[in-house]
Amino acid sequence: MDLYRKKFAVLDLTHGGIPIAKSLAAAGNEVSGIDVYETVKPEILLELEEKYGIHCSKTPLPASGFDRIVAPVHLDSAYPMLVEARAQEKNILSHHEIVGEILKGDSRLSGIKTVEVTGVKAKTSTSSLLADMLSRQFEVVLHTSRGLEYWKAGTSSLIHKGLSITPGSILVAVEKTFEAGFIPDFFIFEVSIGGTGTADLGILTTLSPDYGIANNTTLASEAKLQLVKHAKPGSTLLINAGAKKAIKAAKTDQVKVLTFKDPFSYQISLIPGQIVDFILETRPGTLALSVSSDLITPSGLPKSTNLSGLSGSSGLSGSSIPVGSPEIQAFPRSSGSCVRFLYRGKEIFSASLRPGYNISAYRTAFVAASAAALELGIEPEAVISAIEGFGGLSGRMQEKEMNGISLIDNSNSGMDILSAEKALDYALLKRKDEKKEGIILMLGEEASQVCEGLPPELVQDFVEKFGTKCKQVILVGERMKAVNGKNISYARNLPEGLSKALEFAGGNDIILSSVKCFR
């Protein structure tokens, strides 16, 4: 696609539109940026005008004045510029598509393999585990909602923090990486609601639970299919076996399609005649690791000869605690579980799991990351090492101690009401098994803009259904003040909520933190 000397209108400067507009302007195009939600600060808009030559508007502009319209998949299809552009049969590109075109023209990426991970759940954990596995033999740069990280030999260092996972943020992640002097073997990008069409390996973690986007005019699952429909010829797709529409949409004559199933998805109905490639099984009891001598053949991507760091410690178990929070430490609790990884019914390896986190919260990540790593040429021993060293991700069902009190940390950007329910179920089981007393629940959001926030009406339903199971409920965020119920108090943010939880909790209680926030 020709990206030179065209007139572009980039809609939505709030969710990744700014780096897209900058890149298009730098390529010699005439660019206008539309602040659809009117949330961008005036000084930023002024800088875009004066420094980058990008005309900015908070109101719709005539679509007739542009060659191409660029809009995010979640924008209401009734937005005036989109309505007008469709009527005039203008070329409308998604943010994902335009980012893909920009990346194709970036010569610095030549020779670097890329992985894109999208889905409803397990994006961050799958991406992070895969980065750990790949780093045992390659140098990796990982971009997720946790930040931009450099991985080597099973350990990570932070390059930059504060990026979102909108497709436009990929452009920033690439720039920050090269500015820091890194030239990795692999880029791994966690991408919201779709793919750019440039990945050598695309991973679709889940399509459910589905939800409406674009003012409920379409489903998120349809947008996520961009990863499949726009996959570049010769690439590989790794798809959850339960995502039927994705499997059906895959152009198998152009790409290699692999499927996976985790131990909790046994109830899913498969496409008639479908054979699942990769399956993960879990079972109680410690099991010595083993590796099959008859391994699957990887895809042929280049392998590194650097095998150092196979026994290095994983960088995934570190905490990311808000400033001002009480002291939190890892909570030692035996899991007594192991996993078996199978390819077409044949065991490839098995590994025991560390304590300190809820294994069921990572079932999709274990199988998807392992399958991807083997497909990309990683030795099974390195995959095992990463799994056995994994201690959970901060804010994703990790067990810790806070001032001597048990804490289940489920606060992250992807947290939703279903995640909160599962976390409460886990806390109730923990209370029963360990003869704990009460549960202090923190529920809410630090910002309503984090992945569409946590709707107060859903929190109200949750409190009415499950509030009595808790000793105290602390609702976090300004919007949660509209929620009413028994034994409820309010906090402005996560650190304040943690401090209040300590005030309510006795020594034998459990604090459960389920707050939607960036970590």
Protein backbone atom coordinates (compact mmCIF):
# COMPACT_ATOMS: atom_id res chain seq x y z
CA MET A 1 0.00 0.00 0.00
CA ASP A 2 1.30 3.43 -0.93
CA LEU A 3 1.74 5.52 2.22
CA TYR A 4 3.31 8.54 0.58
CA ARG A 5 1.73 11.89 -0.23
CA LYS A 6 -1.79 10.85 0.72
CA LYS A 7 -4.36 12.68 2.81
CA PHE A 8 -5.13 10.70 5.97
CA ALA A 9 -7.70 11.29 8.69
CA VAL A 10 -6.72 9.42 11.86
CA LEU A 11 -9.71 9.01 14.15
CA ASP A 12 -9.35 8.58 17.92
CA LEU A 13 -6.17 10.14 19.26
CA THR A 14 -6.91 8.74 22.71
CA HIS A 15 -6.41 5.05 21.96
CA GLY A 16 -3.19 4.87 19.95
CA GLY A 17 -4.03 7.35 17.21
CA ILE A 18 -1.21 9.76 18.05
CA PRO A 19 1.75 7.49 17.15
CA ILE A 20 -0.08 6.44 13.99
CA ALA A 21 -0.61 10.07 12.97
CA LYS A 22 3.05 10.89 13.70
CA SER A 23 4.31 7.95 11.64
CA LEU A 24 2.11 8.82 8.67
CA ALA A 25 3.17 12.47 8.82
CA ALA A 26 6.85 11.48 9.00
CA ALA A 27 6.36 9.40 5.83
CA GLY A 28 5.36 12.49 3.87
CA ASN A 29 1.58 12.38 4.16
CA GLU A 30 -0.89 15.15 4.97
CA VAL A 31 -2.47 14.06 8.25
CA SER A 32 -5.41 15.24 10.31
CA GLY A 33 -6.05 13.82 13.77
CA ILE A 34 -9.59 13.68 15.14
CA ASP A 35 -9.92 13.74 18.94
CA VAL A 36 -13.15 11.73 18.87
CA TYR A 37 -13.60 11.52 22.64
CA GLU A 38 -12.27 15.02 23.33
CA THR A 39 -9.91 13.70 25.98
CA VAL A 40 -6.52 14.79 24.61
CA LYS A 41 -4.98 17.74 26.44
CA PRO A 42 -4.79 21.05 24.47
CA GLU A 43 -1.00 21.25 24.85
CA ILE A 44 -0.61 17.83 23.22
CA LEU A 45 -2.84 18.83 20.31
CA LEU A 46 -0.84 22.04 19.92
CA GLU A 47 2.42 20.07 19.83
CA LEU A 48 1.02 17.78 17.12
CA GLU A 49 0.16 20.85 15.06
CA GLU A 50 3.39 22.82 15.53
CA LYS A 51 6.01 20.06 15.75
CA TYR A 52 4.58 17.37 13.46
CA GLY A 53 2.33 19.35 11.12
CA ILE A 54 -0.74 17.32 12.08
CA HIS A 55 -3.99 19.27 11.88
CA CYS A 56 -6.11 18.42 14.94
CA SER A 57 -9.85 18.66 15.41
CA LYS A 58 -12.25 17.74 18.19
CA THR A 59 -15.17 17.62 15.78
CA PRO A 60 -15.75 15.51 12.65
CA LEU A 61 -14.27 16.77 9.40
CA PRO A 62 -15.70 16.20 5.90
CA ALA A 63 -14.64 12.72 4.77
CA SER A 64 -14.52 13.96 1.18
CA GLY A 65 -11.29 15.80 1.96
CA PHE A 66 -9.29 12.62 2.59
CA ASP A 67 -7.89 9.74 0.58
CA ARG A 68 -8.09 7.31 3.47
CA ILE A 69 -9.83 7.19 6.85
CA VAL A 70 -8.11 5.40 9.74
CA ALA A 71 -10.33 4.33 12.65
CA PRO A 72 -10.08 1.88 15.56
CA VAL A 73 -12.26 -1.22 15.47
CA HIS A 74 -14.05 -0.18 18.64
CA LEU A 75 -15.26 3.20 17.31
CA ASP A 76 -19.03 3.52 16.90
CA SER A 77 -19.84 2.83 13.24
CA ALA A 78 -22.36 5.68 13.43
CA TYR A 79 -19.61 8.26 13.93
CA PRO A 80 -20.34 10.90 11.23
CA MET A 81 -17.01 10.61 9.38
CA LEU A 82 -17.40 6.83 9.11
CA VAL A 83 -20.97 7.12 7.85
CA GLU A 84 -19.90 9.67 5.25
CA ALA A 85 -16.82 7.67 4.23
CA ARG A 86 -18.87 4.52 3.64
CA ALA A 87 -21.38 6.47 1.55
CA GLN A 88 -18.53 7.83 -0.57
CA GLU A 89 -16.90 4.38 -0.77
CA LYS A 90 -13.74 5.72 0.83
CA ASN A 91 -10.99 3.34 1.89
CA ILE A 92 -11.45 2.85 5.66
CA LEU A 93 -8.52 1.19 7.45
CA SER A 94 -8.45 -0.06 11.02
CA HIS A 95 -5.68 1.04 13.37
CA HIS A 96 -4.39 -2.54 13.16
CA GLU A 97 -4.20 -2.46 9.36
CA ILE A 98 -2.41 0.87 9.10
CA VAL A 99 0.11 -0.12 11.78
CA GLY A 100 0.78 -3.28 9.77
CA GLU A 101 1.46 -1.21 6.66
CA ILE A 102 3.80 1.11 8.57
CA LEU A 103 5.70 -1.85 10.04
CA LYS A 104 6.12 -3.42 6.60
CA GLY A 105 7.99 -0.31 5.51
CA ASP A 106 10.36 -0.28 8.50
CA SER A 107 13.69 -1.68 7.25
CA ARG A 108 15.02 -1.93 10.81
CA LEU A 109 12.69 -4.90 11.39
CA SER A 110 14.30 -6.92 8.61
CA GLY A 111 15.52 -10.22 10.03
CA ILE A 112 13.61 -9.86 13.32
CA LYS A 113 10.84 -12.40 13.89
CA THR A 114 7.59 -11.11 15.42
CA VAL A 115 4.87 -12.75 17.48
CA GLU A 116 1.47 -11.15 18.09
CA VAL A 117 -0.85 -12.33 20.84
CA THR A 118 -4.52 -11.35 21.02
CA GLY A 119 -7.66 -12.71 22.68
CA VAL A 120 -10.03 -12.03 25.55
CA LYS A 121 -8.02 -13.72 28.29
CA ALA A 122 -4.44 -14.85 29.00
CA LYS A 123 -2.74 -12.45 26.56
CA THR A 124 -0.25 -11.04 29.06
CA SER A 125 0.57 -14.35 30.75
CA THR A 126 0.97 -16.16 27.42
CA SER A 127 3.21 -13.40 26.03
CA SER A 128 5.32 -13.23 29.20
CA LEU A 129 5.81 -16.98 29.49
CA LEU A 130 6.73 -17.21 25.81
CA ALA A 131 9.28 -14.40 26.22
CA ASP A 132 10.88 -16.32 29.09
CA MET A 133 11.01 -19.52 27.02
CA LEU A 134 12.39 -17.86 23.89
CA SER A 135 14.97 -15.93 25.90
CA ARG A 136 16.66 -19.19 26.88
CA GLN A 137 18.02 -19.33 23.31
CA PHE A 138 17.31 -15.89 21.81
CA GLU A 139 17.20 -12.20 22.69
CA VAL A 140 13.60 -11.02 23.03
CA VAL A 141 11.77 -7.72 23.41
CA LEU A 142 8.34 -8.11 24.97
CA HIS A 143 5.57 -5.50 24.84
CA THR A 144 2.57 -6.14 27.12
CA SER A 145 0.36 -4.22 29.52
CA ARG A 146 3.18 -4.82 32.08
CA GLY A 147 5.57 -2.67 30.07
CA LEU A 148 8.28 -2.94 27.41
CA GLU A 149 10.88 -5.49 28.52
CA TYR A 150 14.15 -6.93 27.25
CA TRP A 151 14.54 -10.67 27.89
CA LYS A 152 17.69 -12.76 27.81
CA ALA A 153 18.60 -16.07 29.48
CA GLY A 154 15.36 -16.22 31.47
CA THR A 155 15.62 -12.78 33.05
CA SER A 156 14.10 -9.45 32.10
CA SER A 157 14.88 -5.74 32.37
CA LEU A 158 12.47 -2.87 31.84
CA ILE A 159 12.99 -0.67 28.78
CA HIS A 160 9.92 1.53 29.15
CA LYS A 161 6.71 1.56 31.18
CA GLY A 162 3.39 3.20 30.48
CA LEU A 163 2.40 2.01 27.01
CA SER A 164 -1.03 0.61 26.26
CA ILE A 165 -1.61 -2.45 24.07
CA THR A 166 -3.45 -0.58 21.33
CA PRO A 167 -1.96 -1.33 17.89
CA GLY A 168 -0.56 2.19 17.69
CA SER A 169 1.57 1.51 20.77
CA ILE A 170 3.50 -1.12 18.79
CA LEU A 171 5.06 1.75 16.83
CA VAL A 172 6.20 3.38 20.08
CA ALA A 173 7.48 0.06 21.42
CA VAL A 174 9.62 -0.44 18.31
CA GLU A 175 11.04 3.10 18.55
CA LYS A 176 11.82 2.77 22.26
CA THR A 177 13.56 -0.54 21.63
CA PHE A 178 15.90 0.78 18.96
CA GLU A 179 16.51 4.01 20.88
CA ALA A 180 17.67 1.86 23.83
CA GLY A 181 20.13 0.11 21.54
CA PHE A 182 18.46 -3.31 21.42
CA ILE A 183 18.23 -5.38 18.23
CA PRO A 184 16.36 -8.50 19.34
CA ASP A 185 15.88 -11.81 17.58
CA PHE A 186 12.18 -11.66 18.46
CA PHE A 187 9.54 -9.04 19.14
CA ILE A 188 6.49 -10.26 21.07
CA PHE A 189 3.52 -7.88 21.01
CA GLU A 190 0.38 -8.20 23.12
CA VAL A 191 -2.28 -6.59 20.92
CA SER A 192 -5.77 -5.47 21.86
CA ILE A 193 -8.66 -6.72 19.69
CA GLY A 194 -6.83 -8.06 16.64
CA GLY A 195 -3.54 -8.30 14.74
CA THR A 196 -1.55 -6.19 12.30
CA GLY A 197 -0.94 -8.85 9.66
CA THR A 198 2.84 -8.71 10.02
CA ALA A 199 3.46 -11.48 12.58
CA ASP A 200 5.49 -14.57 11.80
CA LEU A 201 3.46 -16.30 14.51
CA GLY A 202 -0.01 -15.15 15.61
CA ILE A 203 -1.53 -16.52 18.81
CA LEU A 204 -5.27 -16.34 19.59
CA THR A 205 -5.71 -17.21 23.27
CA THR A 206 -9.51 -17.11 23.56
CA LEU A 207 -12.57 -15.62 21.87
CA SER A 208 -14.80 -16.01 24.90
CA PRO A 209 -16.40 -14.53 26.82
CA ASP A 210 -17.37 -12.36 23.85
CA TYR A 211 -18.57 -8.79 24.25
CA GLY A 212 -19.90 -5.91 22.20
CA ILE A 213 -17.74 -3.08 20.82
CA ALA A 214 -18.35 -0.01 18.65
CA ASN A 215 -21.42 0.94 20.69
CA ASN A 216 -22.54 -2.71 20.55
CA THR A 217 -22.79 -2.68 16.76
CA THR A 218 -20.35 -5.59 16.44
CA LEU A 219 -18.62 -8.24 18.55
CA ALA A 220 -15.06 -8.14 19.80
CA SER A 221 -14.56 -11.64 18.40
CA GLU A 222 -15.13 -10.35 14.88
CA ALA A 223 -12.44 -7.70 15.33
CA LYS A 224 -10.00 -10.21 16.80
CA LEU A 225 -10.31 -12.25 13.60
CA GLN A 226 -8.05 -9.64 11.97
CA LEU A 227 -5.20 -11.72 13.38
CA VAL A 228 -6.43 -14.63 11.26
CA LYS A 229 -7.85 -12.95 8.17
CA HIS A 230 -4.86 -10.65 7.68
CA ALA A 231 -2.17 -13.21 8.54
CA LYS A 232 0.72 -12.89 6.14
CA PRO A 233 1.36 -15.76 3.73
CA GLY A 234 3.83 -18.29 5.09
CA SER A 235 3.20 -17.40 8.72
CA THR A 236 1.86 -19.67 11.47
CA LEU A 237 -1.34 -19.28 13.49
CA LEU A 238 -1.76 -20.90 16.91
CA ILE A 239 -5.48 -20.89 17.75
CA ASN A 240 -7.53 -22.00 20.73
CA ALA A 241 -9.43 -25.11 19.60
CA GLY A 242 -12.64 -23.63 20.99
CA ALA A 243 -12.45 -20.58 18.72
CA LYS A 244 -14.44 -22.16 15.88
CA LYS A 245 -14.98 -18.99 13.85
CA ALA A 246 -11.25 -18.28 13.89
CA ILE A 247 -10.36 -21.78 12.71
CA LYS A 248 -12.94 -21.57 9.94
CA ALA A 249 -11.68 -18.13 8.90
CA ALA A 250 -8.05 -19.23 8.63
CA LYS A 251 -6.78 -19.49 5.04
CA THR A 252 -5.01 -22.81 5.45
CA ASP A 253 -3.62 -22.69 1.92
CA GLN A 254 -1.58 -19.60 2.86
CA VAL A 255 -0.69 -20.14 6.52
CA LYS A 256 0.11 -23.00 8.86
CA VAL A 257 -2.66 -23.48 11.44
CA LEU A 258 -2.06 -25.19 14.79
CA THR A 259 -4.59 -25.60 17.60
CA PHE A 260 -4.35 -26.06 21.35
CA LYS A 261 -6.62 -27.02 24.23
CA ASP A 262 -6.10 -26.55 27.95
CA PRO A 263 -7.28 -28.94 30.69
CA PHE A 264 -10.30 -26.83 31.58
CA SER A 265 -11.68 -26.59 28.04
CA TYR A 266 -12.70 -30.23 27.77
CA GLN A 267 -16.32 -29.14 27.62
CA ILE A 268 -15.89 -27.17 24.40
CA SER A 269 -17.45 -28.59 21.26
CA LEU A 270 -15.00 -28.98 18.42
CA ILE A 271 -15.50 -28.76 14.67
CA PRO A 272 -16.49 -32.24 13.41
CA GLY A 273 -13.36 -34.20 12.55
CA GLN A 274 -11.10 -31.63 14.20
CA ILE A 275 -7.84 -32.93 15.66
CA VAL A 276 -6.27 -30.73 18.35
CA ASP A 277 -2.51 -30.43 17.97
CA PHE A 278 -1.41 -29.42 21.47
CA ILE A 279 -3.08 -30.44 24.74
CA LEU A 280 -2.14 -29.64 28.32
CA GLU A 281 -3.11 -31.87 31.22
CA THR A 282 -2.71 -31.16 34.92
CA ARG A 283 -2.65 -33.61 37.77
CA PRO A 284 -1.88 -33.46 41.49
CA GLY A 285 1.37 -34.66 42.97
CA THR A 286 4.97 -33.85 42.24
CA LEU A 287 6.33 -35.38 39.04
CA ALA A 288 9.93 -35.52 37.91
CA LEU A 289 10.33 -33.69 34.63
CA SER A 290 10.72 -35.80 31.52
CA VAL A 291 11.23 -35.14 27.83
CA SER A 292 10.16 -37.38 24.98
CA SER A 293 12.94 -38.33 22.62
CA ASP A 294 10.51 -38.26 19.69
CA LEU A 295 9.81 -34.54 19.45
CA ILE A 296 7.71 -32.59 17.00
CA THR A 297 9.55 -30.90 14.18
CA PRO A 298 9.68 -27.11 14.63
CA SER A 299 8.74 -24.79 11.82
CA GLY A 300 12.28 -24.19 10.69
CA LEU A 301 12.71 -20.64 11.99
CA PRO A 302 16.39 -19.89 12.69
CA LYS A 303 17.75 -21.32 15.95
CA SER A 304 20.30 -19.62 18.15
CA THR A 305 23.42 -21.45 19.29
CA ASN A 306 23.42 -19.51 22.54
CA LEU A 307 22.12 -22.01 25.10
CA SER A 308 23.31 -20.17 28.20
CA GLY A 309 20.94 -19.49 31.04
CA LEU A 310 18.87 -22.67 30.84
CA SER A 311 18.84 -22.88 34.61
CA GLY A 312 18.49 -19.16 35.19
CA SER A 313 15.76 -17.81 37.45
CA SER A 314 12.57 -16.60 35.84
CA GLY A 315 11.89 -12.89 35.87
CA LEU A 316 8.12 -13.45 35.92
CA SER A 317 7.51 -13.78 39.63
CA GLY A 318 8.51 -10.28 40.67
CA SER A 319 5.87 -8.00 42.17
CA SER A 320 4.76 -4.66 40.82
CA ILE A 321 3.35 -2.90 43.88
CA PRO A 322 1.78 0.56 43.82
CA VAL A 323 3.71 3.33 45.53
CA GLY A 324 2.59 3.69 49.13
CA SER A 325 1.24 0.14 49.45
CA PRO A 326 1.86 -1.94 52.58
CA GLU A 327 4.76 -4.39 52.40
CA ILE A 328 3.87 -7.44 50.31
CA GLN A 329 5.84 -10.66 50.11
CA ALA A 330 5.46 -13.90 48.17
CA PHE A 331 3.16 -16.31 49.99
CA PRO A 332 4.66 -19.81 50.22
CA ARG A 333 1.93 -22.32 49.57
CA SER A 334 2.48 -25.74 48.06
CA SER A 335 0.65 -26.42 44.82
CA GLY A 336 1.59 -30.10 44.53
CA SER A 337 0.70 -30.11 40.84
CA CYS A 338 2.35 -30.88 37.55
CA VAL A 339 1.55 -30.49 33.86
CA ARG A 340 1.84 -32.86 30.93
CA PHE A 341 2.19 -31.44 27.43
CA LEU A 342 1.07 -33.57 24.51
CA TYR A 343 1.31 -33.24 20.74
CA ARG A 344 -1.27 -35.29 18.82
CA GLY A 345 -1.68 -37.56 21.86
CA LYS A 346 2.03 -38.14 22.45
CA GLU A 347 3.64 -36.72 25.60
CA ILE A 348 6.41 -34.26 24.77
CA PHE A 349 7.31 -33.30 28.32
CA SER A 350 6.04 -33.02 31.87
CA ALA A 351 6.99 -30.55 34.57
CA SER A 352 6.23 -29.84 38.22
CA LEU A 353 4.87 -26.42 39.22
CA ARG A 354 6.03 -23.96 41.84
CA PRO A 355 3.75 -22.92 44.71
CA GLY A 356 2.49 -19.39 45.28
CA TYR A 357 -0.12 -18.84 42.59
CA ASN A 358 -3.42 -20.23 41.31
CA ILE A 359 -2.44 -22.69 38.59
CA SER A 360 -5.87 -22.69 36.96
CA ALA A 361 -5.46 -18.99 36.13
CA TYR A 362 -2.55 -19.86 33.82
CA ARG A 363 -3.85 -22.98 32.08
CA THR A 364 -4.21 -21.27 28.69
CA ALA A 365 -0.83 -19.55 28.99
CA PHE A 366 1.00 -22.79 29.79
CA VAL A 367 -0.23 -24.63 26.72
CA ALA A 368 -0.19 -21.70 24.27
CA ALA A 369 3.29 -20.49 25.26
CA SER A 370 4.73 -24.00 25.26
CA ALA A 371 3.28 -24.80 21.84
CA ALA A 372 4.57 -21.51 20.41
CA ALA A 373 8.04 -21.99 21.89
CA LEU A 374 8.42 -25.50 20.47
CA GLU A 375 7.13 -24.32 17.10
CA LEU A 376 9.74 -21.56 17.10
CA GLY A 377 12.57 -24.00 17.72
CA ILE A 378 13.06 -23.84 21.48
CA GLU A 379 14.42 -26.99 23.12
CA PRO A 380 11.96 -28.74 25.48
CA GLU A 381 14.43 -28.42 28.37
CA ALA A 382 14.23 -24.64 28.08
CA VAL A 383 10.42 -24.76 28.06
CA ILE A 384 10.44 -26.94 31.17
CA SER A 385 12.88 -24.62 32.90
CA ALA A 386 10.62 -21.62 32.28
CA ILE A 387 7.49 -23.45 33.51
CA GLU A 388 9.15 -24.82 36.63
CA GLY A 389 10.60 -21.41 37.48
CA PHE A 390 7.32 -19.58 36.90
CA GLY A 391 5.83 -17.97 40.00
CA GLY A 392 2.81 -16.21 38.53
CA LEU A 393 2.47 -12.65 37.28
CA SER A 394 1.85 -9.79 39.65
CA GLY A 395 -1.87 -9.09 39.79
CA ARG A 396 -2.88 -12.35 38.12
CA MET A 397 -3.95 -14.71 40.89
CA GLN A 398 -0.62 -14.55 42.67
CA GLU A 399 -0.56 -15.46 46.35
CA LYS A 400 1.43 -13.24 48.69
CA GLU A 401 1.58 -11.99 52.25
CA MET A 402 0.83 -8.41 53.24
CA ASN A 403 1.98 -7.54 56.74
CA GLY A 404 1.58 -11.19 57.67
CA ILE A 405 -1.92 -11.55 56.20
CA SER A 406 -2.73 -13.77 53.19
CA LEU A 407 -3.30 -11.80 49.99
CA ILE A 408 -4.64 -13.06 46.68
CA ASP A 409 -3.58 -10.48 44.09
CA ASN A 410 -5.95 -10.39 41.11
CA SER A 411 -5.63 -6.69 40.23
CA ASN A 412 -4.62 -6.05 36.62
CA SER A 413 -5.71 -4.29 33.43
CA GLY A 414 -7.60 -7.32 32.09
CA MET A 415 -9.60 -7.97 35.26
CA ASP A 416 -13.36 -8.22 34.66
CA ILE A 417 -16.39 -9.32 36.65
CA LEU A 418 -16.02 -12.97 35.62
CA SER A 419 -12.39 -12.90 36.75
CA ALA A 420 -13.56 -11.44 40.06
CA GLU A 421 -16.05 -14.28 40.51
CA LYS A 422 -13.40 -16.92 39.82
CA ALA A 423 -11.01 -15.21 42.22
CA LEU A 424 -13.67 -15.22 44.95
CA ASP A 425 -14.34 -18.91 44.34
CA TYR A 426 -10.62 -19.57 44.76
CA ALA A 427 -10.48 -17.49 47.95
CA LEU A 428 -13.45 -19.41 49.38
CA LEU A 429 -11.71 -22.73 48.68
CA LYS A 430 -8.50 -21.41 50.23
CA ARG A 431 -10.45 -20.32 53.32
CA LYS A 432 -11.94 -23.80 53.66
CA ASP A 433 -8.73 -25.75 52.95
CA GLU A 434 -6.51 -23.65 55.21
CA LYS A 435 -9.16 -23.02 57.90
CA LYS A 436 -9.02 -19.26 57.41
CA GLU A 437 -11.71 -16.96 58.79
CA GLY A 438 -13.06 -14.05 56.74
CA ILE A 439 -12.47 -12.62 53.26
CA ILE A 440 -11.81 -8.92 52.75
CA LEU A 441 -12.70 -8.21 49.13
CA MET A 442 -11.39 -5.22 47.18
CA LEU A 443 -13.33 -4.72 43.95
CA GLY A 444 -13.45 -1.89 41.42
CA GLU A 445 -11.28 0.17 39.07
CA GLU A 446 -8.52 2.74 39.25
CA ALA A 447 -9.56 4.27 35.92
CA SER A 448 -12.69 3.70 33.85
CA GLN A 449 -10.56 4.00 30.70
CA VAL A 450 -8.61 0.80 31.47
CA CYS A 451 -9.93 -1.62 28.85
CA GLU A 452 -13.43 -0.12 29.09
CA GLY A 453 -13.46 -0.16 32.89
CA LEU A 454 -15.56 -2.21 35.27
CA PRO A 455 -19.25 -1.27 34.86
CA PRO A 456 -20.79 -0.26 38.23
CA GLU A 457 -24.02 -2.09 37.37
CA LEU A 458 -22.11 -5.37 37.14
CA VAL A 459 -20.40 -4.63 40.43
CA GLN A 460 -23.83 -3.97 41.99
CA ASP A 461 -25.03 -7.40 40.80
CA PHE A 462 -21.86 -9.00 42.11
CA VAL A 463 -22.26 -7.42 45.54
CA GLU A 464 -25.89 -8.51 45.75
CA LYS A 465 -25.02 -12.11 44.83
CA PHE A 466 -21.76 -12.64 46.68
CA GLY A 467 -21.28 -9.78 49.13
CA THR A 468 -22.55 -11.80 52.09
CA LYS A 469 -19.75 -14.33 51.56
CA CYS A 470 -17.25 -11.63 52.51
CA LYS A 471 -16.44 -10.13 55.89
CA GLN A 472 -15.99 -6.73 54.23
CA VAL A 473 -16.21 -5.35 50.68
CA ILE A 474 -14.04 -2.36 49.74
CA LEU A 475 -15.12 -0.76 46.46
CA VAL A 476 -12.37 1.09 44.61
CA GLY A 477 -12.87 4.03 42.25
CA GLU A 478 -15.12 7.07 41.95
CA ARG A 479 -17.79 5.28 39.90
CA MET A 480 -18.21 2.58 42.57
CA LYS A 481 -19.81 5.08 44.95
CA ALA A 482 -23.06 4.34 43.11
CA VAL A 483 -22.95 0.74 44.37
CA ASN A 484 -24.77 -0.05 47.61
CA GLY A 485 -24.85 -3.02 49.97
CA LYS A 486 -24.01 -4.35 53.42
CA ASN A 487 -20.51 -4.20 54.90
CA ILE A 488 -19.29 -1.88 52.14
CA SER A 489 -16.69 0.86 52.30
CA TYR A 490 -14.99 2.88 49.55
CA ALA A 491 -11.42 3.72 48.49
CA ARG A 492 -10.09 6.09 45.84
CA ASN A 493 -7.38 3.81 44.50
CA LEU A 494 -5.57 0.52 44.96
CA PRO A 495 -3.03 1.62 47.62
CA GLU A 496 -5.80 3.18 49.72
CA GLY A 497 -7.87 0.02 49.31
CA LEU A 498 -4.98 -2.15 50.49
CA SER A 499 -4.49 0.05 53.55
CA LYS A 500 -8.18 -0.14 54.43
CA ALA A 501 -8.17 -3.91 53.91
CA LEU A 502 -5.42 -4.21 56.53
CA GLU A 503 -7.56 -2.26 58.97
CA PHE A 504 -10.46 -4.69 58.55
CA ALA A 505 -8.43 -7.92 58.35
CA GLY A 506 -7.53 -10.12 61.27
CA GLY A 507 -4.43 -12.31 61.30
CA ASN A 508 -6.30 -15.34 59.96
CA ASP A 509 -8.30 -13.55 57.25
CA ILE A 510 -7.72 -13.42 53.49
CA ILE A 511 -7.48 -10.21 51.48
CA LEU A 512 -8.67 -10.62 47.89
CA SER A 513 -7.68 -7.76 45.56
CA SER A 514 -9.65 -7.59 42.28
CA VAL A 515 -9.16 -4.07 40.96
CA LYS A 516 -8.96 -3.15 37.27
CA CYS A 517 -5.78 -1.12 36.92
CA PHE A 518 -2.46 -0.76 35.13
CA ARG A 519 0.38 -2.49 36.98
